[in-house]
PDB file of N, CA and C in Angstrom:
ATOM      1  N   MET A   1      50.264 -56.708 -31.927  1.00  0.00           N
ATOM      2  CA  MET A   1      50.421 -55.862 -31.072  1.00  0.00           C
ATOM      3  C   MET A   1      49.102 -55.404 -30.642  1.00  0.00           C
ATOM      4  N   VAL A   2      48.736 -55.450 -29.181  1.00  0.00           N
ATOM      5  CA  VAL A   2      47.458 -54.934 -28.621  1.00  0.00           C
ATOM      6  C   VAL A   2      47.283 -53.462 -28.852  1.00  0.00           C
ATOM      7  N   ASN A   3      46.118 -53.267 -29.361  1.00  0.00           N
ATOM      8  CA  ASN A   3      45.890 -51.605 -29.537  1.00  0.00           C
ATOM      9  C   ASN A   3      45.215 -51.219 -28.059  1.00  0.00           C
ATOM     10  N   TYR A   4      45.968 -50.335 -27.324  1.00  0.00           N
ATOM     11  CA  TYR A   4      45.703 -49.940 -25.922  1.00  0.00           C
ATOM     12  C   TYR A   4      44.452 -49.231 -25.801  1.00  0.00           C
ATOM     13  N   LYS A   5      43.936 -48.665 -26.944  1.00  0.00           N
ATOM     14  CA  LYS A   5      42.686 -47.840 -26.929  1.00  0.00           C
ATOM     15  C   LYS A   5      41.505 -49.060 -26.871  1.00  0.00           C
ATOM     16  N   HIS A   6      41.719 -49.963 -27.920  1.00  0.00           N
ATOM     17  CA  HIS A   6      40.685 -51.215 -27.607  1.00  0.00           C
ATOM     18  C   HIS A   6      40.601 -51.782 -26.429  1.00  0.00           C
ATOM     19  N   LEU A   7      41.609 -51.996 -25.791  1.00  0.00           N
ATOM     20  CA  LEU A   7      41.679 -52.634 -24.590  1.00  0.00           C
ATOM     21  C   LEU A   7      41.125 -51.722 -23.508  1.00  0.00           C
ATOM     22  N   ARG A   8      41.453 -50.403 -23.606  1.00  0.00           N
ATOM     23  CA  ARG A   8      40.628 -49.447 -22.628  1.00  0.00           C
ATOM     24  C   ARG A   8      39.226 -49.476 -22.727  1.00  0.00           C
ATOM     25  N   TYR A   9      38.727 -49.693 -23.878  1.00  0.00           N
ATOM     26  CA  TYR A   9      37.275 -49.609 -24.072  1.00  0.00           C
ATOM     27  C   TYR A   9      36.610 -50.903 -23.456  1.00  0.00           C
ATOM     28  N   PHE A  10      37.339 -52.239 -23.800  1.00  0.00           N
ATOM     29  CA  PHE A  10      36.821 -53.324 -23.396  1.00  0.00           C
ATOM     30  C   PHE A  10      36.850 -53.279 -21.762  1.00  0.00           C
ATOM     31  N   TRP A  11      37.987 -52.851 -21.260  1.00  0.00           N
ATOM     32  CA  TRP A  11      38.031 -52.638 -19.819  1.00  0.00           C
ATOM     33  C   TRP A  11      37.018 -51.976 -19.081  1.00  0.00           C
ATOM     34  N   ALA A  12      36.689 -50.725 -19.696  1.00  0.00           N
ATOM     35  CA  ALA A  12      35.646 -50.094 -19.297  1.00  0.00           C
ATOM     36  C   ALA A  12      34.312 -50.715 -19.410  1.00  0.00           C
ATOM     37  N   ALA A  13      34.119 -51.336 -20.346  1.00  0.00           N
ATOM     38  CA  ALA A  13      32.689 -51.979 -20.675  1.00  0.00           C
ATOM     39  C   ALA A  13      32.428 -53.136 -19.602  1.00  0.00           C
ATOM     40  N   ALA A  14      33.753 -53.915 -19.384  1.00  0.00           N
ATOM     41  CA  ALA A  14      33.830 -55.019 -18.348  1.00  0.00           C
ATOM     42  C   ALA A  14      33.563 -54.303 -16.857  1.00  0.00           C
ATOM     43  N   LYS A  15      34.019 -53.304 -16.649  1.00  0.00           N
ATOM     44  CA  LYS A  15      34.195 -52.702 -15.238  1.00  0.00           C
ATOM     45  C   LYS A  15      32.816 -52.108 -15.004  1.00  0.00           C
ATOM     46  N   GLU A  16      32.286 -51.463 -15.900  1.00  0.00           N
ATOM     47  CA  GLU A  16      30.921 -50.785 -15.884  1.00  0.00           C
ATOM     48  C   GLU A  16      29.815 -51.497 -15.845  1.00  0.00           C
ATOM     49  N   GLY A  17      29.936 -53.055 -16.393  1.00  0.00           N
ATOM     50  CA  GLY A  17      28.977 -53.756 -16.566  1.00  0.00           C
ATOM     51  C   GLY A  17      28.079 -53.486 -17.919  1.00  0.00           C
ATOM     52  N   GLY A  18      28.661 -53.022 -18.979  1.00  0.00           N
ATOM     53  CA  GLY A  18      28.103 -52.873 -20.128  1.00  0.00           C
ATOM     54  C   GLY A  18      28.541 -51.817 -20.973  1.00  0.00           C
ATOM     55  N   ILE A  19      28.127 -51.776 -22.198  1.00  0.00           N
ATOM     56  CA  ILE A  19      28.563 -50.886 -23.249  1.00  0.00           C
ATOM     57  C   ILE A  19      27.989 -49.666 -22.923  1.00  0.00           C
ATOM     58  N   ALA A  20      26.727 -49.353 -22.631  1.00  0.00           N
ATOM     59  CA  ALA A  20      26.097 -48.395 -22.441  1.00  0.00           C
ATOM     60  C   ALA A  20      26.610 -47.330 -21.295  1.00  0.00           C
ATOM     61  N   ARG A  21      26.854 -48.100 -20.257  1.00  0.00           N
ATOM     62  CA  ARG A  21      27.494 -47.329 -18.854  1.00  0.00           C
ATOM     63  C   ARG A  21      28.890 -46.969 -19.250  1.00  0.00           C
ATOM     64  N   ALA A  22      29.737 -47.822 -19.988  1.00  0.00           N
ATOM     65  CA  ALA A  22      31.108 -47.314 -20.398  1.00  0.00           C
ATOM     66  C   ALA A  22      31.146 -46.316 -21.331  1.00  0.00           C
ATOM     67  N   SER A  23      29.906 -46.065 -22.373  1.00  0.00           N
ATOM     68  CA  SER A  23      30.085 -44.946 -23.004  1.00  0.00           C
ATOM     69  C   SER A  23      29.850 -43.884 -22.434  1.00  0.00           C
ATOM     70  N   GLU A  24      28.870 -43.717 -21.358  1.00  0.00           N
ATOM     71  CA  GLU A  24      28.488 -42.644 -20.516  1.00  0.00           C
ATOM     72  C   GLU A  24      29.831 -42.335 -19.862  1.00  0.00           C
ATOM     73  N   ARG A  25      30.562 -43.173 -19.368  1.00  0.00           N
ATOM     74  CA  ARG A  25      31.859 -43.079 -18.436  1.00  0.00           C
ATOM     75  C   ARG A  25      32.927 -42.235 -19.491  1.00  0.00           C
ATOM     76  N   LEU A  26      33.119 -42.939 -20.617  1.00  0.00           N
ATOM     77  CA  LEU A  26      34.040 -42.319 -21.433  1.00  0.00           C
ATOM     78  C   LEU A  26      33.775 -41.186 -22.495  1.00  0.00           C
ATOM     79  N   HIS A  27      32.390 -40.942 -22.457  1.00  0.00           N
ATOM     80  CA  HIS A  27      31.711 -39.887 -23.149  1.00  0.00           C
ATOM     81  C   HIS A  27      32.047 -40.040 -24.883  1.00  0.00           C
ATOM     82  N   LEU A  28      31.659 -41.356 -25.020  1.00  0.00           N
ATOM     83  CA  LEU A  28      31.606 -41.862 -26.427  1.00  0.00           C
ATOM     84  C   LEU A  28      30.216 -42.495 -26.889  1.00  0.00           C
ATOM     85  N   THR A  29      30.078 -42.642 -28.006  1.00  0.00           N
ATOM     86  CA  THR A  29      28.893 -43.359 -28.228  1.00  0.00           C
ATOM     87  C   THR A  29      29.029 -45.011 -28.362  1.00  0.00           C
ATOM     88  N   PRO A  30      27.702 -45.567 -27.974  1.00  0.00           N
ATOM     89  CA  PRO A  30      27.900 -46.922 -27.614  1.00  0.00           C
ATOM     90  C   PRO A  30      28.403 -47.799 -28.758  1.00  0.00           C
ATOM     91  N   GLN A  31      28.253 -47.288 -29.749  1.00  0.00           N
ATOM     92  CA  GLN A  31      28.554 -47.721 -31.376  1.00  0.00           C
ATOM     93  C   GLN A  31      30.209 -47.820 -31.393  1.00  0.00           C
ATOM     94  N   THR A  32      30.667 -46.577 -30.790  1.00  0.00           N
ATOM     95  CA  THR A  32      32.213 -46.603 -30.692  1.00  0.00           C
ATOM     96  C   THR A  32      32.739 -47.636 -29.939  1.00  0.00           C
ATOM     97  N   ILE A  33      32.379 -47.582 -28.635  1.00  0.00           N
ATOM     98  CA  ILE A  33      32.713 -48.801 -27.823  1.00  0.00           C
ATOM     99  C   ILE A  33      32.677 -50.157 -28.226  1.00  0.00           C
ATOM    100  N   SER A  34      31.484 -50.363 -28.873  1.00  0.00           N
ATOM    101  CA  SER A  34      31.173 -51.707 -29.348  1.00  0.00           C
ATOM    102  C   SER A  34      32.119 -51.925 -30.644  1.00  0.00           C
ATOM    103  N   GLY A  35      32.278 -50.932 -31.490  1.00  0.00           N
ATOM    104  CA  GLY A  35      33.106 -51.342 -32.559  1.00  0.00           C
ATOM    105  C   GLY A  35      34.577 -51.457 -32.149  1.00  0.00           C
ATOM    106  N   GLN A  36      35.146 -50.901 -31.191  1.00  0.00           N
ATOM    107  CA  GLN A  36      36.404 -50.811 -30.818  1.00  0.00           C
ATOM    108  C   GLN A  36      36.459 -52.572 -30.125  1.00  0.00           C
ATOM    109  N   ILE A  37      35.749 -52.882 -29.321  1.00  0.00           N
ATOM    110  CA  ILE A  37      35.826 -54.024 -28.795  1.00  0.00           C
ATOM    111  C   ILE A  37      35.741 -55.099 -29.736  1.00  0.00           C
ATOM    112  N   SER A  38      34.885 -55.155 -30.839  1.00  0.00           N
ATOM    113  CA  SER A  38      34.678 -55.951 -31.829  1.00  0.00           C
ATOM    114  C   SER A  38      36.318 -56.204 -32.521  1.00  0.00           C
ATOM    115  N   LEU A  39      36.684 -54.828 -32.812  1.00  0.00           N
ATOM    116  CA  LEU A  39      38.353 -54.943 -33.324  1.00  0.00           C
ATOM    117  C   LEU A  39      39.163 -55.830 -32.302  1.00  0.00           C
ATOM    118  N   LEU A  40      39.045 -55.572 -31.257  1.00  0.00           N
ATOM    119  CA  LEU A  40      40.022 -56.318 -30.146  1.00  0.00           C
ATOM    120  C   LEU A  40      39.641 -57.835 -30.416  1.00  0.00           C
ATOM    121  N   GLU A  41      38.470 -58.039 -30.252  1.00  0.00           N
ATOM    122  CA  GLU A  41      37.974 -59.479 -30.346  1.00  0.00           C
ATOM    123  C   GLU A  41      38.675 -60.025 -31.680  1.00  0.00           C
ATOM    124  N   GLU A  42      38.560 -59.343 -32.820  1.00  0.00           N
ATOM    125  CA  GLU A  42      38.798 -59.895 -33.996  1.00  0.00           C
ATOM    126  C   GLU A  42      40.430 -59.987 -33.907  1.00  0.00           C
ATOM    127  N   GLN A  43      41.076 -59.276 -33.541  1.00  0.00           N
ATOM    128  CA  GLN A  43      42.643 -59.135 -33.182  1.00  0.00           C
ATOM    129  C   GLN A  43      43.097 -60.531 -32.335  1.00  0.00           C
ATOM    130  N   LEU A  44      42.229 -60.594 -31.533  1.00  0.00           N
ATOM    131  CA  LEU A  44      42.457 -61.666 -30.459  1.00  0.00           C
ATOM    132  C   LEU A  44      41.992 -63.292 -30.910  1.00  0.00           C
ATOM    133  N   GLY A  45      40.995 -62.986 -31.946  1.00  0.00           N
ATOM    134  CA  GLY A  45      40.600 -64.219 -32.315  1.00  0.00           C
ATOM    135  C   GLY A  45      39.655 -65.162 -31.357  1.00  0.00           C
ATOM    136  N   GLU A  46      38.997 -64.230 -30.426  1.00  0.00           N
ATOM    137  CA  GLU A  46      38.181 -64.872 -29.512  1.00  0.00           C
ATOM    138  C   GLU A  46      37.156 -63.621 -29.054  1.00  0.00           C
ATOM    139  N   ALA A  47      35.836 -64.248 -28.864  1.00  0.00           N
ATOM    140  CA  ALA A  47      34.976 -63.409 -28.160  1.00  0.00           C
ATOM    141  C   ALA A  47      35.243 -63.067 -26.859  1.00  0.00           C
ATOM    142  N   LEU A  48      35.148 -61.898 -26.289  1.00  0.00           N
ATOM    143  CA  LEU A  48      35.289 -61.393 -25.034  1.00  0.00           C
ATOM    144  C   LEU A  48      34.158 -61.299 -24.032  1.00  0.00           C
ATOM    145  N   PHE A  49      32.835 -61.205 -25.009  1.00  0.00           N
ATOM    146  CA  PHE A  49      31.714 -61.110 -24.189  1.00  0.00           C
ATOM    147  C   PHE A  49      30.753 -62.008 -24.857  1.00  0.00           C
ATOM    148  N   THR A  50      29.548 -62.476 -24.204  1.00  0.00           N
ATOM    149  CA  THR A  50      28.429 -63.132 -24.687  1.00  0.00           C
ATOM    150  C   THR A  50      27.345 -62.495 -24.168  1.00  0.00           C
ATOM    151  N   LYS A  51      26.255 -62.395 -24.933  1.00  0.00           N
ATOM    152  CA  LYS A  51      24.932 -61.760 -24.657  1.00  0.00           C
ATOM    153  C   LYS A  51      24.107 -62.789 -23.949  1.00  0.00           C
ATOM    154  N   SER A  52      23.404 -62.115 -22.768  1.00  0.00           N
ATOM    155  CA  SER A  52      22.660 -63.115 -21.859  1.00  0.00           C
ATOM    156  C   SER A  52      21.319 -62.066 -21.779  1.00  0.00           C
ATOM    157  N   GLY A  53      20.496 -62.279 -22.618  1.00  0.00           N
ATOM    158  CA  GLY A  53      19.502 -61.463 -22.539  1.00  0.00           C
ATOM    159  C   GLY A  53      19.735 -60.126 -23.093  1.00  0.00           C
ATOM    160  N   ARG A  54      19.745 -59.213 -22.340  1.00  0.00           N
ATOM    161  CA  ARG A  54      19.979 -57.521 -22.585  1.00  0.00           C
ATOM    162  C   ARG A  54      21.345 -57.309 -21.951  1.00  0.00           C
ATOM    163  N   ASN A  55      22.057 -58.439 -21.306  1.00  0.00           N
ATOM    164  CA  ASN A  55      23.200 -58.165 -20.455  1.00  0.00           C
ATOM    165  C   ASN A  55      24.393 -58.710 -21.386  1.00  0.00           C
ATOM    166  N   LEU A  56      25.597 -58.333 -21.027  1.00  0.00           N
ATOM    167  CA  LEU A  56      26.867 -58.860 -21.645  1.00  0.00           C
ATOM    168  C   LEU A  56      27.403 -59.452 -20.363  1.00  0.00           C
ATOM    169  N   GLU A  57      28.019 -60.877 -20.685  1.00  0.00           N
ATOM    170  CA  GLU A  57      28.813 -61.496 -19.569  1.00  0.00           C
ATOM    171  C   GLU A  57      30.174 -61.820 -20.304  1.00  0.00           C
ATOM    172  N   LEU A  58      31.186 -61.737 -19.486  1.00  0.00           N
ATOM    173  CA  LEU A  58      32.550 -62.008 -19.899  1.00  0.00           C
ATOM    174  C   LEU A  58      32.664 -63.665 -20.177  1.00  0.00           C
ATOM    175  N   THR A  59      33.291 -63.938 -21.261  1.00  0.00           N
ATOM    176  CA  THR A  59      33.650 -65.156 -21.551  1.00  0.00           C
ATOM    177  C   THR A  59      34.825 -65.502 -20.738  1.00  0.00           C
ATOM    178  N   GLU A  60      35.205 -66.862 -20.840  1.00  0.00           N
ATOM    179  CA  GLU A  60      36.669 -67.179 -20.037  1.00  0.00           C
ATOM    180  C   GLU A  60      37.740 -66.409 -20.693  1.00  0.00           C
ATOM    181  N   THR A  61      37.777 -66.295 -21.957  1.00  0.00           N
ATOM    182  CA  THR A  61      38.782 -65.601 -22.635  1.00  0.00           C
ATOM    183  C   THR A  61      38.698 -63.978 -22.309  1.00  0.00           C
ATOM    184  N   GLY A  62      37.710 -63.643 -21.971  1.00  0.00           N
ATOM    185  CA  GLY A  62      37.110 -62.160 -21.643  1.00  0.00           C
ATOM    186  C   GLY A  62      37.611 -62.010 -20.261  1.00  0.00           C
ATOM    187  N   ARG A  63      37.639 -62.985 -19.286  1.00  0.00           N
ATOM    188  CA  ARG A  63      38.033 -62.870 -17.848  1.00  0.00           C
ATOM    189  C   ARG A  63      39.528 -62.804 -18.020  1.00  0.00           C
ATOM    190  N   LEU A  64      40.128 -63.602 -18.504  1.00  0.00           N
ATOM    191  CA  LEU A  64      41.588 -63.440 -18.696  1.00  0.00           C
ATOM    192  C   LEU A  64      42.069 -62.147 -19.204  1.00  0.00           C
ATOM    193  N   VAL A  65      41.407 -61.750 -20.178  1.00  0.00           N
ATOM    194  CA  VAL A  65      42.007 -60.580 -20.744  1.00  0.00           C
ATOM    195  C   VAL A  65      41.655 -59.252 -19.874  1.00  0.00           C
ATOM    196  N   LEU A  66      40.570 -59.350 -19.216  1.00  0.00           N
ATOM    197  CA  LEU A  66      40.230 -58.397 -18.059  1.00  0.00           C
ATOM    198  C   LEU A  66      41.357 -58.401 -16.815  1.00  0.00           C
ATOM    199  N   SER A  67      41.937 -59.766 -16.491  1.00  0.00           N
ATOM    200  CA  SER A  67      42.885 -59.632 -15.784  1.00  0.00           C
ATOM    201  C   SER A  67      44.325 -59.018 -15.975  1.00  0.00           C
ATOM    202  N   TYR A  68      44.639 -59.089 -17.338  1.00  0.00           N
ATOM    203  CA  TYR A  68      45.646 -58.546 -17.720  1.00  0.00           C
ATOM    204  C   TYR A  68      45.613 -56.729 -17.968  1.00  0.00           C
ATOM    205  N   ALA A  69      44.308 -56.526 -18.296  1.00  0.00           N
ATOM    206  CA  ALA A  69      44.021 -55.181 -18.403  1.00  0.00           C
ATOM    207  C   ALA A  69      43.930 -54.621 -17.046  1.00  0.00           C
ATOM    208  N   ASP A  70      43.461 -55.174 -16.124  1.00  0.00           N
ATOM    209  CA  ASP A  70      43.551 -54.665 -14.757  1.00  0.00           C
ATOM    210  C   ASP A  70      44.951 -54.345 -14.225  1.00  0.00           C
ATOM    211  N   GLU A  71      46.025 -55.305 -14.478  1.00  0.00           N
ATOM    212  CA  GLU A  71      47.186 -55.121 -14.223  1.00  0.00           C
ATOM    213  C   GLU A  71      47.844 -53.944 -15.182  1.00  0.00           C
ATOM    214  N   ILE A  72      47.870 -53.943 -16.420  1.00  0.00           N
ATOM    215  CA  ILE A  72      48.030 -52.938 -17.400  1.00  0.00           C
ATOM    216  C   ILE A  72      48.087 -51.523 -16.825  1.00  0.00           C
ATOM    217  N   PHE A  73      46.546 -51.384 -16.689  1.00  0.00           N
ATOM    218  CA  PHE A  73      46.221 -49.952 -16.381  1.00  0.00           C
ATOM    219  C   PHE A  73      46.602 -49.372 -14.972  1.00  0.00           C
ATOM    220  N   SER A  74      46.764 -50.692 -14.057  1.00  0.00           N
ATOM    221  CA  SER A  74      47.166 -50.228 -12.813  1.00  0.00           C
ATOM    222  C   SER A  74      48.651 -49.877 -12.811  1.00  0.00           C
ATOM    223  N   LEU A  75      49.599 -50.562 -13.679  1.00  0.00           N
ATOM    224  CA  LEU A  75      51.022 -50.162 -13.795  1.00  0.00           C
ATOM    225  C   LEU A  75      51.113 -48.622 -14.414  1.00  0.00           C
ATOM    226  N   GLY A  76      50.201 -48.435 -15.390  1.00  0.00           N
ATOM    227  CA  GLY A  76      50.188 -47.176 -15.965  1.00  0.00           C
ATOM    228  C   GLY A  76      49.894 -46.025 -15.187  1.00  0.00           C
ATOM    229  N   SER A  77      48.927 -46.331 -14.098  1.00  0.00           N
ATOM    230  CA  SER A  77      48.819 -45.243 -13.067  1.00  0.00           C
ATOM    231  C   SER A  77      49.745 -45.137 -12.063  1.00  0.00           C
ATOM    232  N   GLU A  78      50.411 -46.283 -11.696  1.00  0.00           N
ATOM    233  CA  GLU A  78      51.450 -46.226 -10.901  1.00  0.00           C
ATOM    234  C   GLU A  78      52.556 -45.449 -11.443  1.00  0.00           C
ATOM    235  N   MET A  79      53.112 -45.667 -12.762  1.00  0.00           N
ATOM    236  CA  MET A  79      54.123 -44.990 -13.410  1.00  0.00           C
ATOM    237  C   MET A  79      53.796 -43.590 -13.434  1.00  0.00           C
ATOM    238  N   GLU A  80      52.419 -42.940 -13.846  1.00  0.00           N
ATOM    239  CA  GLU A  80      52.291 -41.683 -13.638  1.00  0.00           C
ATOM    240  C   GLU A  80      52.601 -41.071 -12.347  1.00  0.00           C
ATOM    241  N   GLU A  81      52.203 -41.754 -11.356  1.00  0.00           N
ATOM    242  CA  GLU A  81      52.436 -41.214  -9.892  1.00  0.00           C
ATOM    243  C   GLU A  81      53.722 -41.187  -9.793  1.00  0.00           C
ATOM    244  N   VAL A  82      54.560 -42.022 -10.027  1.00  0.00           N
ATOM    245  CA  VAL A  82      55.901 -41.896  -9.786  1.00  0.00           C
ATOM    246  C   VAL A  82      56.657 -40.952 -10.590  1.00  0.00           C
ATOM    247  N   VAL A  83      56.264 -40.556 -11.822  1.00  0.00           N
ATOM    248  CA  VAL A  83      57.008 -39.499 -12.496  1.00  0.00           C
ATOM    249  C   VAL A  83      56.466 -38.170 -11.879  1.00  0.00           C
ATOM    250  N   ARG A  84      55.339 -38.204 -11.367  1.00  0.00           N
ATOM    251  CA  ARG A  84      54.945 -36.866 -10.915  1.00  0.00           C
ATOM    252  C   ARG A  84      55.741 -36.640  -9.620  1.00  0.00           C
ATOM    253  N   LYS A  85      55.882 -37.860  -8.760  1.00  0.00           N
ATOM    254  CA  LYS A  85      56.675 -37.542  -7.471  1.00  0.00           C
ATOM    255  C   LYS A  85      58.161 -36.948  -7.899  1.00  0.00           C
ATOM    256  N   ILE A  86      58.743 -37.774  -8.856  1.00  0.00           N
ATOM    257  CA  ILE A  86      60.114 -37.475  -9.312  1.00  0.00           C
ATOM    258  C   ILE A  86      60.228 -35.980  -9.619  1.00  0.00           C
ATOM    259  N   LEU A  87      59.123 -35.492 -10.719  1.00  0.00           N
ATOM    260  CA  LEU A  87      59.208 -34.168 -11.265  1.00  0.00           C
ATOM    261  C   LEU A  87      59.196 -33.339  -9.678  1.00  0.00           C
ATOM    262  N   VAL A  88      58.432 -33.398  -8.807  1.00  0.00           N
ATOM    263  CA  VAL A  88      58.199 -32.532  -7.687  1.00  0.00           C
ATOM    264  C   VAL A  88      59.342 -32.614  -7.012  1.00  0.00           C
ATOM    265  N   THR A  89      60.045 -33.982  -6.328  1.00  0.00           N
ATOM    266  CA  THR A  89      61.198 -34.008  -5.726  1.00  0.00           C
ATOM    267  C   THR A  89      62.345 -33.659  -6.493  1.00  0.00           C
ATOM    268  N   VAL A  90      62.640 -34.070  -7.513  1.00  0.00           N
ATOM    269  CA  VAL A  90      64.010 -33.442  -8.403  1.00  0.00           C
ATOM    270  C   VAL A  90      64.034 -32.278  -8.790  1.00  0.00           C
ATOM    271  N   TRP A  91      62.992 -31.913  -9.446  1.00  0.00           N
ATOM    272  CA  TRP A  91      62.955 -30.604 -10.252  1.00  0.00           C
ATOM    273  C   TRP A  91      61.963 -29.629  -9.665  1.00  0.00           C
ATOM    274  N   GLY A  92      61.264 -29.808  -8.786  1.00  0.00           N
ATOM    275  CA  GLY A  92      60.432 -29.002  -8.014  1.00  0.00           C
ATOM    276  C   GLY A  92      59.342 -28.485  -8.796  1.00  0.00           C
ATOM    277  N   LYS A  93      58.816 -29.236  -9.857  1.00  0.00           N
ATOM    278  CA  LYS A  93      57.832 -29.075 -10.788  1.00  0.00           C
ATOM    279  C   LYS A  93      56.463 -29.908 -10.214  1.00  0.00           C
ATOM    280  N   ASN A  94      55.349 -28.901 -10.397  1.00  0.00           N
ATOM    281  CA  ASN A  94      54.104 -29.505  -9.889  1.00  0.00           C
ATOM    282  C   ASN A  94      53.592 -29.980 -11.292  1.00  0.00           C
ATOM    283  N   ALA A  95      53.164 -31.380 -11.214  1.00  0.00           N
ATOM    284  CA  ALA A  95      52.528 -32.087 -12.551  1.00  0.00           C
ATOM    285  C   ALA A  95      51.215 -31.931 -12.369  1.00  0.00           C
TER     286      ALA A  95
END
């Protein structure tokens, strides 16, 4: 089963255009982000990035994983929004 923390770190690095920017956004060290991405790559048995000079580029597998990650995290946000609306509508709670 995919570790969603590893997937989140990969997703952030892909969206931010690199590990350094992802580490700033997530308030983690670049080593932490890099290590978690390595664990995800190990689990999947495929590289998700290739180095191009000082930049990282998504591999074909990386692009595929990114499209799934986009969907997964979009659905997660949608779920949170729906639950908040239900809490307010049904229970009168502010979430």
